[in-house]
Amino acid sequence: MLAFLTANLGNIIVSLVLIVIVTLIVVNLVGKKKRGQSTCGCGCSNCPSAGMCHKQ
């Protein structure tokens, strides 16, 4: 087991960092959605799908 960990330490660290980054992005998007903010990066004034994102 220790040999496996030492042989793959770089891959394990990179994978953990990527998992943390993706988790933070998802948490940020869910938080914005709960606050009613736009998650696409643009305003909703001219968006044809504004009714799908925000309940009237």
N, C-alpha and C. Protein backbone atom coordinates (compact mmCIF):
# COMPACT_ATOMS: atom_id res chain seq x y z
N MET A 1 0.82 -1.20 0.00
CA MET A 1 0.00 0.00 0.00
C MET A 1 0.86 1.25 0.00
N LEU A 2 1.91 1.26 0.80
CA LEU A 2 2.78 2.42 0.86
C LEU A 2 3.52 2.63 -0.46
N ALA A 3 3.89 1.55 -1.11
CA ALA A 3 4.55 1.66 -2.41
C ALA A 3 3.62 2.27 -3.44
N PHE A 4 2.36 1.88 -3.41
CA PHE A 4 1.38 2.46 -4.33
C PHE A 4 1.24 3.95 -4.11
N LEU A 5 1.13 4.36 -2.84
CA LEU A 5 0.98 5.79 -2.52
C LEU A 5 2.19 6.60 -2.95
N THR A 6 3.37 6.10 -2.71
CA THR A 6 4.57 6.85 -3.09
C THR A 6 4.74 6.89 -4.60
N ALA A 7 4.34 5.84 -5.30
CA ALA A 7 4.48 5.82 -6.75
C ALA A 7 3.47 6.74 -7.43
N ASN A 8 2.34 6.97 -6.79
CA ASN A 8 1.26 7.76 -7.39
C ASN A 8 0.96 9.03 -6.62
N LEU A 9 1.88 9.52 -5.84
CA LEU A 9 1.64 10.69 -4.99
C LEU A 9 1.28 11.92 -5.81
N GLY A 10 1.95 12.14 -6.92
CA GLY A 10 1.65 13.29 -7.76
C GLY A 10 0.23 13.25 -8.31
N ASN A 11 -0.18 12.09 -8.80
CA ASN A 11 -1.54 11.93 -9.32
C ASN A 11 -2.58 12.12 -8.23
N ILE A 12 -2.30 11.62 -7.05
CA ILE A 12 -3.24 11.74 -5.94
C ILE A 12 -3.41 13.20 -5.54
N ILE A 13 -2.33 13.94 -5.46
CA ILE A 13 -2.40 15.35 -5.06
C ILE A 13 -3.15 16.16 -6.11
N VAL A 14 -2.83 15.96 -7.38
CA VAL A 14 -3.52 16.69 -8.45
C VAL A 14 -5.00 16.36 -8.46
N SER A 15 -5.35 15.11 -8.26
CA SER A 15 -6.76 14.70 -8.23
C SER A 15 -7.49 15.35 -7.07
N LEU A 16 -6.87 15.38 -5.91
CA LEU A 16 -7.50 16.02 -4.75
C LEU A 16 -7.71 17.52 -4.96
N VAL A 17 -6.72 18.18 -5.55
CA VAL A 17 -6.85 19.61 -5.83
C VAL A 17 -7.98 19.86 -6.82
N LEU A 18 -8.08 19.04 -7.86
CA LEU A 18 -9.17 19.20 -8.82
C LEU A 18 -10.53 18.94 -8.20
N ILE A 19 -10.63 17.96 -7.32
CA ILE A 19 -11.89 17.68 -6.64
C ILE A 19 -12.30 18.87 -5.77
N VAL A 20 -11.35 19.46 -5.08
CA VAL A 20 -11.65 20.63 -4.24
C VAL A 20 -12.11 21.80 -5.10
N ILE A 21 -11.45 22.04 -6.22
CA ILE A 21 -11.83 23.16 -7.10
C ILE A 21 -13.23 22.96 -7.66
N VAL A 22 -13.53 21.77 -8.15
CA VAL A 22 -14.86 21.50 -8.70
C VAL A 22 -15.92 21.62 -7.62
N THR A 23 -15.64 21.15 -6.43
CA THR A 23 -16.60 21.26 -5.32
C THR A 23 -16.87 22.72 -4.99
N LEU A 24 -15.84 23.55 -4.95
CA LEU A 24 -16.04 24.97 -4.66
C LEU A 24 -16.86 25.66 -5.75
N ILE A 25 -16.63 25.29 -7.00
CA ILE A 25 -17.41 25.87 -8.10
C ILE A 25 -18.88 25.49 -7.97
N VAL A 26 -19.16 24.24 -7.69
CA VAL A 26 -20.54 23.78 -7.55
C VAL A 26 -21.22 24.46 -6.37
N VAL A 27 -20.52 24.58 -5.25
CA VAL A 27 -21.10 25.24 -4.08
C VAL A 27 -21.39 26.71 -4.40
N ASN A 28 -20.51 27.36 -5.13
CA ASN A 28 -20.72 28.75 -5.52
C ASN A 28 -21.94 28.88 -6.42
N LEU A 29 -22.09 28.01 -7.40
CA LEU A 29 -23.24 28.07 -8.31
C LEU A 29 -24.55 27.80 -7.57
N VAL A 30 -24.56 26.85 -6.67
CA VAL A 30 -25.77 26.55 -5.90
C VAL A 30 -26.12 27.74 -5.01
N GLY A 31 -25.12 28.35 -4.40
CA GLY A 31 -25.37 29.52 -3.56
C GLY A 31 -25.95 30.69 -4.36
N LYS A 32 -25.41 30.92 -5.55
CA LYS A 32 -25.94 31.99 -6.40
C LYS A 32 -27.38 31.69 -6.81
N LYS A 33 -27.66 30.45 -7.12
CA LYS A 33 -29.01 30.06 -7.52
C LYS A 33 -29.99 30.29 -6.37
N LYS A 34 -29.59 29.96 -5.14
CA LYS A 34 -30.46 30.15 -3.99
C LYS A 34 -30.69 31.63 -3.70
N ARG A 35 -29.68 32.46 -3.97
CA ARG A 35 -29.82 33.91 -3.75
C ARG A 35 -30.56 34.58 -4.89
N GLY A 36 -30.84 33.85 -5.96
CA GLY A 36 -31.58 34.41 -7.08
C GLY A 36 -30.71 35.16 -8.06
N GLN A 37 -29.41 35.00 -7.96
CA GLN A 37 -28.51 35.68 -8.88
C GLN A 37 -28.34 34.84 -10.14
N SER A 38 -27.89 35.50 -11.17
CA SER A 38 -27.66 34.81 -12.43
C SER A 38 -26.42 33.94 -12.33
N THR A 39 -26.49 32.73 -12.83
CA THR A 39 -25.34 31.84 -12.81
C THR A 39 -24.67 31.74 -14.17
N CYS A 40 -25.25 32.41 -15.19
CA CYS A 40 -24.68 32.31 -16.53
C CYS A 40 -23.68 33.43 -16.79
N GLY A 41 -23.65 34.46 -15.97
CA GLY A 41 -22.68 35.54 -16.13
C GLY A 41 -23.24 36.76 -16.83
N CYS A 42 -24.50 36.71 -17.26
CA CYS A 42 -25.09 37.87 -17.91
C CYS A 42 -26.40 38.20 -17.21
N GLY A 43 -26.95 39.34 -17.54
CA GLY A 43 -28.20 39.75 -16.93
C GLY A 43 -29.38 39.01 -17.54
N CYS A 44 -30.52 39.13 -16.91
CA CYS A 44 -31.71 38.41 -17.36
C CYS A 44 -32.66 39.31 -18.15
N SER A 45 -32.31 40.58 -18.36
CA SER A 45 -33.24 41.50 -19.00
C SER A 45 -33.58 41.10 -20.43
N ASN A 46 -32.64 40.62 -21.20
CA ASN A 46 -32.88 40.24 -22.58
C ASN A 46 -32.73 38.75 -22.82
N CYS A 47 -32.75 37.96 -21.79
CA CYS A 47 -32.54 36.53 -21.91
C CYS A 47 -33.87 35.83 -22.24
N PRO A 48 -33.91 35.04 -23.32
CA PRO A 48 -35.16 34.35 -23.65
C PRO A 48 -35.50 33.23 -22.67
N SER A 49 -34.56 32.79 -21.89
CA SER A 49 -34.81 31.71 -20.93
C SER A 49 -34.93 32.22 -19.50
N ALA A 50 -35.20 33.51 -19.32
CA ALA A 50 -35.28 34.08 -17.97
C ALA A 50 -36.39 33.44 -17.16
N GLY A 51 -37.48 33.04 -17.79
CA GLY A 51 -38.59 32.41 -17.09
C GLY A 51 -38.25 31.03 -16.55
N MET A 52 -37.25 30.40 -17.15
CA MET A 52 -36.87 29.07 -16.69
C MET A 52 -35.99 29.15 -15.44
N CYS A 53 -35.23 30.22 -15.30
CA CYS A 53 -34.31 30.37 -14.18
C CYS A 53 -35.00 30.92 -12.93
N HIS A 54 -35.87 31.89 -13.12
CA HIS A 54 -36.47 32.59 -11.99
C HIS A 54 -37.97 32.40 -12.01
N LYS A 55 -38.51 32.00 -10.89
CA LYS A 55 -39.95 31.83 -10.80
C LYS A 55 -40.60 33.20 -10.72
N GLN A 56 -41.72 33.32 -11.38
CA GLN A 56 -42.43 34.60 -11.42
C GLN A 56 -43.20 34.84 -10.14
